[in-house]
Amino acid sequence: MTEEVLKEEEANPYNLKKDWHDVEEKPFVSSDSLFFTPEDEVKSEPESVEKIAQEVSEDKPYKRPNYKKRYDDLKKHYDTKLNEFKSREQELLEEATKNRTEYNTPKSPEELEEFKKEYPDVYEVVETVAHLQSESKAKVLEERLSQLQQREQHLIQQDALKRLEEEVKEKNE
C-alpha cells in the first residue's frame, strides 16, 4: 500500500499585501461600494483636495510645454558641443603633426651603420623584410631563367636535328 502525501499549495506571498485585502467588512450596498467611496465620504474630502489643488495652482499655473523652444535649445546645445568636439579634434591633429619627429632615411653605408647602432631591433625587422622580398623576386627570376634555358636547349636540339637531316640528305645524294 502506498501512501501519498498531499502537499497543499502555498499562496503567492506577493499577493498577500494587496490593497483589496484590506477592505473592511461593511454591509452590501452596491457593487460599486467595494472599490469606490460613497458620496457621503467624498463630500468631506474635497476640502483637502481643493486645498492641495490651490497650493499647486498658487505655486505655478499649468503651462503647456513649448516643444519648439525645447527643440531649439537642444539643437543649439548639440551644435555647440559638436563644434567643440571638432575644434578639439583639429587641435589634437595639429599637435600630433607638430610633435612628429623628422625622419631621414639612411642613404650612405655610414648612416646605415649609425641607424643599426641606434635601432638594432628595427634594423633587424627591416632586414628580414628586405630578405623576404628579395627571395620572392629571386624565385620569379629563377623561373624565367629556367624557362629561357629550356627554350634555348630546345632551339639547340632543333638546330642539331636540322644539321643532321641536311648531312643525311647530302650523303644520300
N, C-alpha and C. Protein backbone atom coordinates (compact mmCIF):
# COMPACT_ATOMS: atom_id res chain seq x y z
N MET A 1 0.83 -1.16 0.00
CA MET A 1 0.00 0.00 0.00
C MET A 1 0.89 1.24 0.00
N THR A 2 0.62 2.14 -0.89
CA THR A 2 1.43 3.37 -0.95
C THR A 2 0.61 4.51 -0.39
N GLU A 3 1.28 5.24 0.41
CA GLU A 3 0.62 6.41 1.00
C GLU A 3 1.10 7.65 0.29
N GLU A 4 0.19 8.37 -0.25
CA GLU A 4 0.55 9.60 -0.92
C GLU A 4 0.30 10.76 0.01
N VAL A 5 1.29 11.58 0.12
CA VAL A 5 1.17 12.76 0.97
C VAL A 5 0.78 13.92 0.07
N LEU A 6 -0.35 14.46 0.36
CA LEU A 6 -0.81 15.61 -0.43
C LEU A 6 -0.25 16.87 0.17
N LYS A 7 0.43 17.59 -0.62
CA LYS A 7 1.01 18.84 -0.16
C LYS A 7 0.10 19.98 -0.62
N GLU A 8 -0.26 20.78 0.32
CA GLU A 8 -1.13 21.91 -0.02
C GLU A 8 -0.31 22.97 -0.74
N GLU A 9 -0.92 23.58 -1.71
CA GLU A 9 -0.24 24.65 -2.42
C GLU A 9 -0.23 25.88 -1.55
N GLU A 10 0.91 26.56 -1.58
CA GLU A 10 1.03 27.79 -0.79
C GLU A 10 0.61 28.96 -1.67
N ALA A 11 0.01 29.93 -1.05
CA ALA A 11 -0.43 31.11 -1.78
C ALA A 11 0.79 31.95 -2.15
N ASN A 12 0.65 32.67 -3.20
CA ASN A 12 1.73 33.54 -3.64
C ASN A 12 1.93 34.63 -2.59
N PRO A 13 3.13 34.73 -1.99
CA PRO A 13 3.34 35.72 -0.92
C PRO A 13 3.24 37.16 -1.41
N TYR A 14 3.39 37.39 -2.71
CA TYR A 14 3.32 38.75 -3.21
C TYR A 14 1.88 39.26 -3.27
N ASN A 15 0.93 38.38 -3.26
CA ASN A 15 -0.46 38.80 -3.31
C ASN A 15 -1.05 39.06 -1.92
N LEU A 16 -0.27 38.82 -0.88
CA LEU A 16 -0.80 38.98 0.47
C LEU A 16 -1.04 40.43 0.85
N LYS A 17 -0.27 41.34 0.27
CA LYS A 17 -0.35 42.73 0.72
C LYS A 17 -1.00 43.63 -0.32
N LYS A 18 -1.97 43.15 -1.00
CA LYS A 18 -2.67 43.97 -1.99
C LYS A 18 -3.74 44.80 -1.29
N ASP A 19 -4.05 45.94 -1.90
CA ASP A 19 -4.99 46.85 -1.24
C ASP A 19 -6.41 46.30 -1.19
N TRP A 20 -6.76 45.38 -2.03
CA TRP A 20 -8.11 44.85 -1.97
C TRP A 20 -8.31 43.85 -0.82
N HIS A 21 -7.22 43.48 -0.15
CA HIS A 21 -7.33 42.60 1.01
C HIS A 21 -7.68 43.37 2.28
N ASP A 22 -7.47 44.66 2.25
CA ASP A 22 -7.72 45.48 3.44
C ASP A 22 -9.13 46.05 3.46
N VAL A 23 -10.01 45.51 2.72
CA VAL A 23 -11.38 46.02 2.65
C VAL A 23 -12.10 45.68 3.96
N GLU A 24 -12.67 46.71 4.54
CA GLU A 24 -13.41 46.49 5.78
C GLU A 24 -14.75 45.85 5.46
N GLU A 25 -15.20 45.05 6.35
CA GLU A 25 -16.48 44.38 6.14
C GLU A 25 -17.60 45.38 6.43
N LYS A 26 -18.31 45.75 5.40
CA LYS A 26 -19.42 46.68 5.53
C LYS A 26 -20.64 45.99 4.94
N PRO A 27 -21.77 46.45 5.30
CA PRO A 27 -22.96 45.86 4.69
C PRO A 27 -22.99 46.17 3.19
N PHE A 28 -23.48 45.24 2.44
CA PHE A 28 -23.52 45.39 0.99
C PHE A 28 -24.53 46.44 0.59
N VAL A 29 -24.06 47.44 -0.16
CA VAL A 29 -24.94 48.48 -0.65
C VAL A 29 -25.09 48.33 -2.17
N SER A 30 -23.96 48.34 -2.83
CA SER A 30 -23.98 48.12 -4.28
C SER A 30 -22.62 47.54 -4.66
N SER A 31 -22.52 47.13 -5.86
CA SER A 31 -21.24 46.55 -6.29
C SER A 31 -20.14 47.61 -6.36
N ASP A 32 -20.50 48.87 -6.51
CA ASP A 32 -19.51 49.93 -6.54
C ASP A 32 -18.97 50.26 -5.16
N SER A 33 -19.68 49.92 -4.15
CA SER A 33 -19.28 50.32 -2.81
C SER A 33 -18.03 49.60 -2.34
N LEU A 34 -17.68 48.51 -2.98
CA LEU A 34 -16.50 47.77 -2.57
C LEU A 34 -15.22 48.53 -2.91
N PHE A 35 -15.19 49.17 -4.07
CA PHE A 35 -13.96 49.81 -4.51
C PHE A 35 -14.04 51.32 -4.61
N PHE A 36 -15.23 51.88 -4.51
CA PHE A 36 -15.37 53.32 -4.57
C PHE A 36 -15.96 53.80 -3.26
N THR A 37 -15.53 54.97 -2.86
CA THR A 37 -16.05 55.51 -1.61
C THR A 37 -17.44 56.09 -1.83
N PRO A 38 -18.31 55.96 -0.86
CA PRO A 38 -19.66 56.50 -1.01
C PRO A 38 -19.63 58.02 -1.14
N GLU A 39 -20.69 58.59 -1.64
CA GLU A 39 -20.77 60.02 -1.88
C GLU A 39 -20.70 60.83 -0.59
N ASP A 40 -21.16 60.27 0.55
CA ASP A 40 -21.11 61.00 1.81
C ASP A 40 -19.66 61.31 2.19
N GLU A 41 -18.81 60.31 2.05
CA GLU A 41 -17.41 60.49 2.43
C GLU A 41 -16.69 61.39 1.43
N VAL A 42 -17.10 61.34 0.20
CA VAL A 42 -16.47 62.16 -0.83
C VAL A 42 -16.71 63.63 -0.55
N LYS A 43 -17.86 63.96 0.00
CA LYS A 43 -18.17 65.36 0.28
C LYS A 43 -17.23 65.94 1.32
N SER A 44 -16.79 65.15 2.27
CA SER A 44 -15.89 65.67 3.28
C SER A 44 -14.46 65.79 2.77
N GLU A 45 -14.08 65.00 1.81
CA GLU A 45 -12.71 65.01 1.30
C GLU A 45 -12.42 66.15 0.34
N PRO A 46 -13.33 66.67 -0.40
CA PRO A 46 -12.99 67.70 -1.38
C PRO A 46 -12.31 68.91 -0.79
N GLU A 47 -12.55 69.19 0.45
CA GLU A 47 -11.88 70.35 1.05
C GLU A 47 -10.37 70.15 1.01
N SER A 48 -9.93 68.95 1.40
CA SER A 48 -8.48 68.70 1.39
C SER A 48 -7.95 68.67 -0.04
N VAL A 49 -8.73 68.12 -0.94
CA VAL A 49 -8.31 68.06 -2.34
C VAL A 49 -8.25 69.47 -2.92
N GLU A 50 -9.22 70.30 -2.56
CA GLU A 50 -9.22 71.68 -3.06
C GLU A 50 -8.02 72.44 -2.52
N LYS A 51 -7.68 72.20 -1.24
CA LYS A 51 -6.52 72.89 -0.66
C LYS A 51 -5.25 72.51 -1.43
N ILE A 52 -5.10 71.25 -1.69
CA ILE A 52 -3.91 70.79 -2.43
C ILE A 52 -3.91 71.39 -3.82
N ALA A 53 -5.06 71.42 -4.47
CA ALA A 53 -5.16 71.98 -5.81
C ALA A 53 -4.82 73.47 -5.79
N GLN A 54 -5.27 74.17 -4.76
CA GLN A 54 -4.98 75.60 -4.66
C GLN A 54 -3.48 75.83 -4.46
N GLU A 55 -2.87 75.01 -3.59
CA GLU A 55 -1.44 75.17 -3.34
C GLU A 55 -0.65 74.96 -4.63
N VAL A 56 -1.03 73.97 -5.39
CA VAL A 56 -0.34 73.69 -6.65
C VAL A 56 -0.55 74.83 -7.62
N SER A 57 -1.80 75.33 -7.70
CA SER A 57 -2.09 76.39 -8.65
C SER A 57 -1.46 77.71 -8.23
N GLU A 58 -1.30 77.94 -6.93
CA GLU A 58 -0.68 79.18 -6.48
C GLU A 58 0.81 79.17 -6.80
N ASP A 59 1.45 77.99 -6.68
CA ASP A 59 2.89 77.92 -6.97
C ASP A 59 3.15 78.21 -8.44
N LYS A 60 2.59 77.38 -9.27
CA LYS A 60 2.81 77.57 -10.70
C LYS A 60 1.55 77.14 -11.44
N PRO A 61 1.06 77.98 -12.27
CA PRO A 61 -0.07 77.56 -13.09
C PRO A 61 0.44 76.60 -14.18
N TYR A 62 -0.43 75.75 -14.63
CA TYR A 62 -0.05 74.79 -15.65
C TYR A 62 0.26 75.52 -16.95
N LYS A 63 1.41 75.20 -17.48
CA LYS A 63 1.80 75.77 -18.76
C LYS A 63 1.98 74.63 -19.74
N ARG A 64 1.48 74.83 -20.89
CA ARG A 64 1.65 73.82 -21.92
C ARG A 64 3.11 73.87 -22.40
N PRO A 65 3.76 72.72 -22.48
CA PRO A 65 5.18 72.75 -22.87
C PRO A 65 5.36 73.27 -24.28
N ASN A 66 6.37 74.10 -24.43
CA ASN A 66 6.68 74.66 -25.74
C ASN A 66 7.74 73.77 -26.38
N TYR A 67 7.30 72.85 -27.25
CA TYR A 67 8.21 71.87 -27.82
C TYR A 67 9.18 72.50 -28.82
N LYS A 68 8.75 73.54 -29.49
CA LYS A 68 9.65 74.20 -30.43
C LYS A 68 10.83 74.81 -29.69
N LYS A 69 10.56 75.45 -28.56
CA LYS A 69 11.65 76.04 -27.77
C LYS A 69 12.57 74.95 -27.25
N ARG A 70 11.99 73.85 -26.79
CA ARG A 70 12.81 72.74 -26.29
C ARG A 70 13.70 72.20 -27.40
N TYR A 71 13.11 72.03 -28.57
CA TYR A 71 13.89 71.52 -29.70
C TYR A 71 15.01 72.49 -30.05
N ASP A 72 14.68 73.78 -30.11
CA ASP A 72 15.70 74.77 -30.45
C ASP A 72 16.83 74.78 -29.43
N ASP A 73 16.48 74.68 -28.15
CA ASP A 73 17.51 74.65 -27.11
C ASP A 73 18.40 73.41 -27.23
N LEU A 74 17.78 72.29 -27.46
CA LEU A 74 18.56 71.06 -27.61
C LEU A 74 19.44 71.09 -28.85
N LYS A 75 18.90 71.63 -29.93
CA LYS A 75 19.66 71.74 -31.17
C LYS A 75 20.85 72.67 -30.98
N LYS A 76 20.64 73.78 -30.28
CA LYS A 76 21.71 74.73 -30.02
C LYS A 76 22.80 74.07 -29.17
N HIS A 77 22.40 73.36 -28.15
CA HIS A 77 23.36 72.67 -27.29
C HIS A 77 24.14 71.62 -28.09
N TYR A 78 23.43 70.87 -28.92
CA TYR A 78 24.08 69.85 -29.75
C TYR A 78 25.09 70.49 -30.69
N ASP A 79 24.72 71.58 -31.33
CA ASP A 79 25.62 72.25 -32.27
C ASP A 79 26.87 72.78 -31.57
N THR A 80 26.70 73.38 -30.40
CA THR A 80 27.86 73.90 -29.68
C THR A 80 28.80 72.77 -29.28
N LYS A 81 28.23 71.67 -28.79
CA LYS A 81 29.07 70.52 -28.40
C LYS A 81 29.77 69.94 -29.62
N LEU A 82 29.07 69.86 -30.73
CA LEU A 82 29.66 69.32 -31.95
C LEU A 82 30.83 70.19 -32.39
N ASN A 83 30.65 71.50 -32.36
CA ASN A 83 31.73 72.42 -32.73
C ASN A 83 32.91 72.30 -31.77
N GLU A 84 32.63 72.15 -30.49
CA GLU A 84 33.70 71.97 -29.51
C GLU A 84 34.50 70.71 -29.82
N PHE A 85 33.81 69.62 -30.11
CA PHE A 85 34.48 68.36 -30.39
C PHE A 85 35.32 68.45 -31.66
N LYS A 86 34.78 69.11 -32.68
CA LYS A 86 35.52 69.25 -33.93
C LYS A 86 36.77 70.10 -33.74
N SER A 87 36.63 71.19 -32.99
CA SER A 87 37.80 72.05 -32.77
C SER A 87 38.84 71.32 -31.93
N ARG A 88 38.39 70.55 -30.95
CA ARG A 88 39.33 69.76 -30.13
C ARG A 88 40.05 68.71 -30.99
N GLU A 89 39.32 68.11 -31.90
CA GLU A 89 39.93 67.12 -32.79
C GLU A 89 41.00 67.79 -33.66
N GLN A 90 40.68 68.97 -34.20
CA GLN A 90 41.66 69.69 -35.02
C GLN A 90 42.90 70.05 -34.21
N GLU A 91 42.70 70.50 -32.97
CA GLU A 91 43.83 70.83 -32.11
C GLU A 91 44.71 69.62 -31.88
N LEU A 92 44.10 68.48 -31.61
CA LEU A 92 44.88 67.27 -31.37
C LEU A 92 45.64 66.83 -32.61
N LEU A 93 44.99 66.95 -33.78
CA LEU A 93 45.67 66.58 -35.01
C LEU A 93 46.86 67.50 -35.29
N GLU A 94 46.67 68.79 -35.07
CA GLU A 94 47.76 69.74 -35.26
C GLU A 94 48.90 69.47 -34.29
N GLU A 95 48.55 69.19 -33.06
CA GLU A 95 49.56 68.89 -32.05
C GLU A 95 50.34 67.62 -32.41
N ALA A 96 49.63 66.63 -32.93
CA ALA A 96 50.29 65.38 -33.33
C ALA A 96 51.25 65.61 -34.49
N THR A 97 50.85 66.47 -35.43
CA THR A 97 51.74 66.73 -36.57
C THR A 97 52.94 67.59 -36.16
N LYS A 98 52.75 68.48 -35.22
CA LYS A 98 53.86 69.32 -34.75
C LYS A 98 54.90 68.49 -33.99
N ASN A 99 54.42 67.56 -33.19
CA ASN A 99 55.32 66.78 -32.35
C ASN A 99 55.98 65.63 -33.09
N ARG A 100 55.63 65.44 -34.33
CA ARG A 100 56.21 64.35 -35.11
C ARG A 100 57.66 64.69 -35.43
N THR A 101 58.55 63.76 -35.16
CA THR A 101 59.96 64.00 -35.43
C THR A 101 60.24 63.75 -36.91
N GLU A 102 61.17 64.51 -37.43
CA GLU A 102 61.57 64.34 -38.82
C GLU A 102 62.49 63.13 -38.91
N TYR A 103 62.17 62.28 -39.83
CA TYR A 103 62.97 61.07 -40.01
C TYR A 103 63.65 61.11 -41.36
N ASN A 104 64.96 61.02 -41.34
CA ASN A 104 65.74 60.99 -42.57
C ASN A 104 66.23 59.56 -42.77
N THR A 105 65.92 59.01 -43.92
CA THR A 105 66.34 57.64 -44.18
C THR A 105 67.84 57.57 -44.41
N PRO A 106 68.47 56.53 -43.90
CA PRO A 106 69.92 56.40 -44.13
C PRO A 106 70.18 56.05 -45.59
N LYS A 107 71.12 56.81 -46.21
CA LYS A 107 71.40 56.60 -47.62
C LYS A 107 72.81 56.08 -47.87
N SER A 108 73.72 56.46 -47.03
CA SER A 108 75.11 56.01 -47.21
C SER A 108 75.39 54.86 -46.25
N PRO A 109 76.43 54.10 -46.49
CA PRO A 109 76.77 52.99 -45.58
C PRO A 109 77.07 53.46 -44.14
N GLU A 110 77.65 54.65 -43.99
CA GLU A 110 77.95 55.18 -42.66
C GLU A 110 76.64 55.47 -41.90
N GLU A 111 75.71 56.11 -42.59
CA GLU A 111 74.41 56.39 -41.97
C GLU A 111 73.68 55.10 -41.62
N LEU A 112 73.81 54.11 -42.48
CA LEU A 112 73.19 52.82 -42.22
C LEU A 112 73.78 52.16 -40.97
N GLU A 113 75.08 52.28 -40.78
CA GLU A 113 75.72 51.73 -39.58
C GLU A 113 75.25 52.47 -38.32
N GLU A 114 75.10 53.79 -38.41
CA GLU A 114 74.60 54.57 -37.28
C GLU A 114 73.16 54.14 -36.93
N PHE A 115 72.37 53.96 -37.97
CA PHE A 115 70.99 53.52 -37.76
C PHE A 115 70.97 52.14 -37.10
N LYS A 116 71.86 51.28 -37.53
CA LYS A 116 71.94 49.93 -36.95
C LYS A 116 72.32 49.98 -35.49
N LYS A 117 73.20 50.91 -35.12
CA LYS A 117 73.61 51.05 -33.71
C LYS A 117 72.49 51.65 -32.86
N GLU A 118 71.76 52.63 -33.42
CA GLU A 118 70.68 53.30 -32.67
C GLU A 118 69.44 52.41 -32.51
N TYR A 119 69.06 51.77 -33.59
CA TYR A 119 67.83 50.97 -33.59
C TYR A 119 68.11 49.55 -34.09
N PRO A 120 68.71 48.73 -33.24
CA PRO A 120 69.05 47.38 -33.72
C PRO A 120 67.81 46.52 -34.01
N ASP A 121 66.76 46.66 -33.19
CA ASP A 121 65.56 45.84 -33.42
C ASP A 121 64.85 46.24 -34.71
N VAL A 122 64.77 47.53 -34.98
CA VAL A 122 64.12 47.99 -36.21
C VAL A 122 64.95 47.56 -37.42
N TYR A 123 66.26 47.66 -37.29
CA TYR A 123 67.14 47.27 -38.39
C TYR A 123 66.94 45.80 -38.74
N GLU A 124 66.83 44.95 -37.71
CA GLU A 124 66.64 43.52 -37.95
C GLU A 124 65.31 43.25 -38.66
N VAL A 125 64.27 43.95 -38.25
CA VAL A 125 62.96 43.77 -38.89
C VAL A 125 63.02 44.20 -40.35
N VAL A 126 63.63 45.34 -40.60
CA VAL A 126 63.74 45.84 -41.98
C VAL A 126 64.58 44.88 -42.82
N GLU A 127 65.64 44.37 -42.23
CA GLU A 127 66.49 43.43 -42.94
C GLU A 127 65.72 42.14 -43.29
N THR A 128 64.93 41.66 -42.34
CA THR A 128 64.13 40.46 -42.59
C THR A 128 63.14 40.70 -43.72
N VAL A 129 62.48 41.83 -43.70
CA VAL A 129 61.52 42.16 -44.76
C VAL A 129 62.23 42.25 -46.10
N ALA A 130 63.40 42.87 -46.11
CA ALA A 130 64.16 43.00 -47.36
C ALA A 130 64.56 41.63 -47.90
N HIS A 131 64.99 40.73 -47.00
CA HIS A 131 65.36 39.38 -47.45
C HIS A 131 64.14 38.64 -48.02
N LEU A 132 63.00 38.78 -47.37
CA LEU A 132 61.80 38.10 -47.88
C LEU A 132 61.42 38.61 -49.27
N GLN A 133 61.49 39.92 -49.45
CA GLN A 133 61.16 40.49 -50.75
C GLN A 133 62.17 40.06 -51.81
N SER A 134 63.45 40.05 -51.46
CA SER A 134 64.47 39.66 -52.44
C SER A 134 64.34 38.18 -52.79
N GLU A 135 63.96 37.35 -51.82
CA GLU A 135 63.75 35.93 -52.10
C GLU A 135 62.59 35.73 -53.08
N SER A 136 61.50 36.46 -52.86
CA SER A 136 60.35 36.31 -53.77
C SER A 136 60.71 36.77 -55.18
N LYS A 137 61.48 37.86 -55.29
CA LYS A 137 61.90 38.33 -56.61
C LYS A 137 62.89 37.36 -57.24
N ALA A 138 63.75 36.77 -56.43
CA ALA A 138 64.72 35.80 -56.94
C ALA A 138 64.00 34.56 -57.48
N LYS A 139 62.94 34.13 -56.81
CA LYS A 139 62.18 32.98 -57.30
C LYS A 139 61.58 33.27 -58.67
N VAL A 140 61.04 34.45 -58.84
CA VAL A 140 60.45 34.83 -60.12
C VAL A 140 61.53 34.84 -61.21
N LEU A 141 62.70 35.40 -60.88
CA LEU A 141 63.78 35.46 -61.86
C LEU A 141 64.31 34.06 -62.18
N GLU A 142 64.39 33.18 -61.19
CA GLU A 142 64.84 31.81 -61.44
C GLU A 142 63.88 31.07 -62.36
N GLU A 143 62.58 31.29 -62.16
CA GLU A 143 61.59 30.66 -63.03
C GLU A 143 61.77 31.13 -64.47
N ARG A 144 61.97 32.42 -64.65
CA ARG A 144 62.16 32.96 -66.00
C ARG A 144 63.44 32.40 -66.63
N LEU A 145 64.48 32.34 -65.81
CA LEU A 145 65.76 31.84 -66.30
C LEU A 145 65.64 30.37 -66.73
N SER A 146 64.93 29.59 -65.92
CA SER A 146 64.77 28.17 -66.28
C SER A 146 63.94 28.05 -67.57
N GLN A 147 62.95 28.88 -67.74
CA GLN A 147 62.17 28.85 -68.98
C GLN A 147 63.05 29.21 -70.18
N LEU A 148 63.88 30.23 -70.01
CA LEU A 148 64.77 30.63 -71.10
C LEU A 148 65.78 29.53 -71.42
N GLN A 149 66.30 28.87 -70.41
CA GLN A 149 67.26 27.79 -70.62
C GLN A 149 66.59 26.62 -71.36
N GLN A 150 65.36 26.32 -70.98
CA GLN A 150 64.65 25.24 -71.68
C GLN A 150 64.42 25.61 -73.14
N ARG A 151 64.03 26.85 -73.37
CA ARG A 151 63.80 27.30 -74.75
C ARG A 151 65.10 27.24 -75.57
N GLU A 152 66.20 27.68 -74.94
CA GLU A 152 67.49 27.66 -75.63
C GLU A 152 67.90 26.22 -75.94
N GLN A 153 67.71 25.33 -74.99
CA GLN A 153 68.05 23.93 -75.21
C GLN A 153 67.19 23.34 -76.33
N HIS A 154 65.94 23.71 -76.33
CA HIS A 154 65.03 23.23 -77.38
C HIS A 154 65.49 23.74 -78.75
N LEU A 155 65.89 25.00 -78.82
CA LEU A 155 66.38 25.57 -80.08
C LEU A 155 67.66 24.89 -80.54
N ILE A 156 68.55 24.60 -79.59
CA ILE A 156 69.80 23.91 -79.93
C ILE A 156 69.50 22.53 -80.50
N GLN A 157 68.53 21.83 -79.88
CA GLN A 157 68.17 20.50 -80.35
C GLN A 157 67.58 20.57 -81.76
N GLN A 158 66.74 21.56 -82.00
CA GLN A 158 66.13 21.71 -83.32
C GLN A 158 67.20 22.00 -84.38
N ASP A 159 68.15 22.88 -83.98
CA ASP A 159 69.23 23.23 -84.90
C ASP A 159 70.09 21.99 -85.20
N ALA A 160 70.36 21.21 -84.19
CA ALA A 160 71.16 19.99 -84.38
C ALA A 160 70.41 19.01 -85.27
N LEU A 161 69.11 18.87 -85.08
CA LEU A 161 68.32 17.97 -85.92
C LEU A 161 68.33 18.43 -87.38
N LYS A 162 68.24 19.73 -87.60
CA LYS A 162 68.27 20.25 -88.97
C LYS A 162 69.60 19.93 -89.64
N ARG A 163 70.69 20.13 -88.88
CA ARG A 163 72.02 19.84 -89.44
C ARG A 163 72.15 18.36 -89.78
N LEU A 164 71.67 17.51 -88.89
CA LEU A 164 71.74 16.06 -89.15
C LEU A 164 70.93 15.69 -90.39
N GLU A 165 69.75 16.28 -90.50
CA GLU A 165 68.91 16.00 -91.66
C GLU A 165 69.61 16.44 -92.95
N GLU A 166 70.27 17.61 -92.90
CA GLU A 166 70.97 18.12 -94.08
C GLU A 166 72.14 17.20 -94.44
N GLU A 167 72.88 16.74 -93.43
CA GLU A 167 74.02 15.85 -93.68
C GLU A 167 73.56 14.52 -94.24
N VAL A 168 72.42 14.02 -93.70
CA VAL A 168 71.88 12.76 -94.18
C VAL A 168 71.43 12.92 -95.64
N LYS A 169 70.85 14.05 -95.99
CA LYS A 169 70.42 14.31 -97.35
C LYS A 169 71.62 14.37 -98.29
N GLU A 170 72.69 15.02 -97.82
CA GLU A 170 73.88 15.17 -98.65
C GLU A 170 74.54 13.81 -98.89
N LYS A 171 74.57 12.95 -97.93
CA LYS A 171 75.16 11.63 -98.07
C LYS A 171 74.31 10.76 -98.99
N ASN A 172 73.04 10.91 -98.91
CA ASN A 172 72.14 10.11 -99.73
C ASN A 172 72.17 10.58 -101.19
N GLU A 173 72.56 11.71 -101.48
CA GLU A 173 72.56 12.22 -102.83
C GLU A 173 73.80 11.86 -103.50
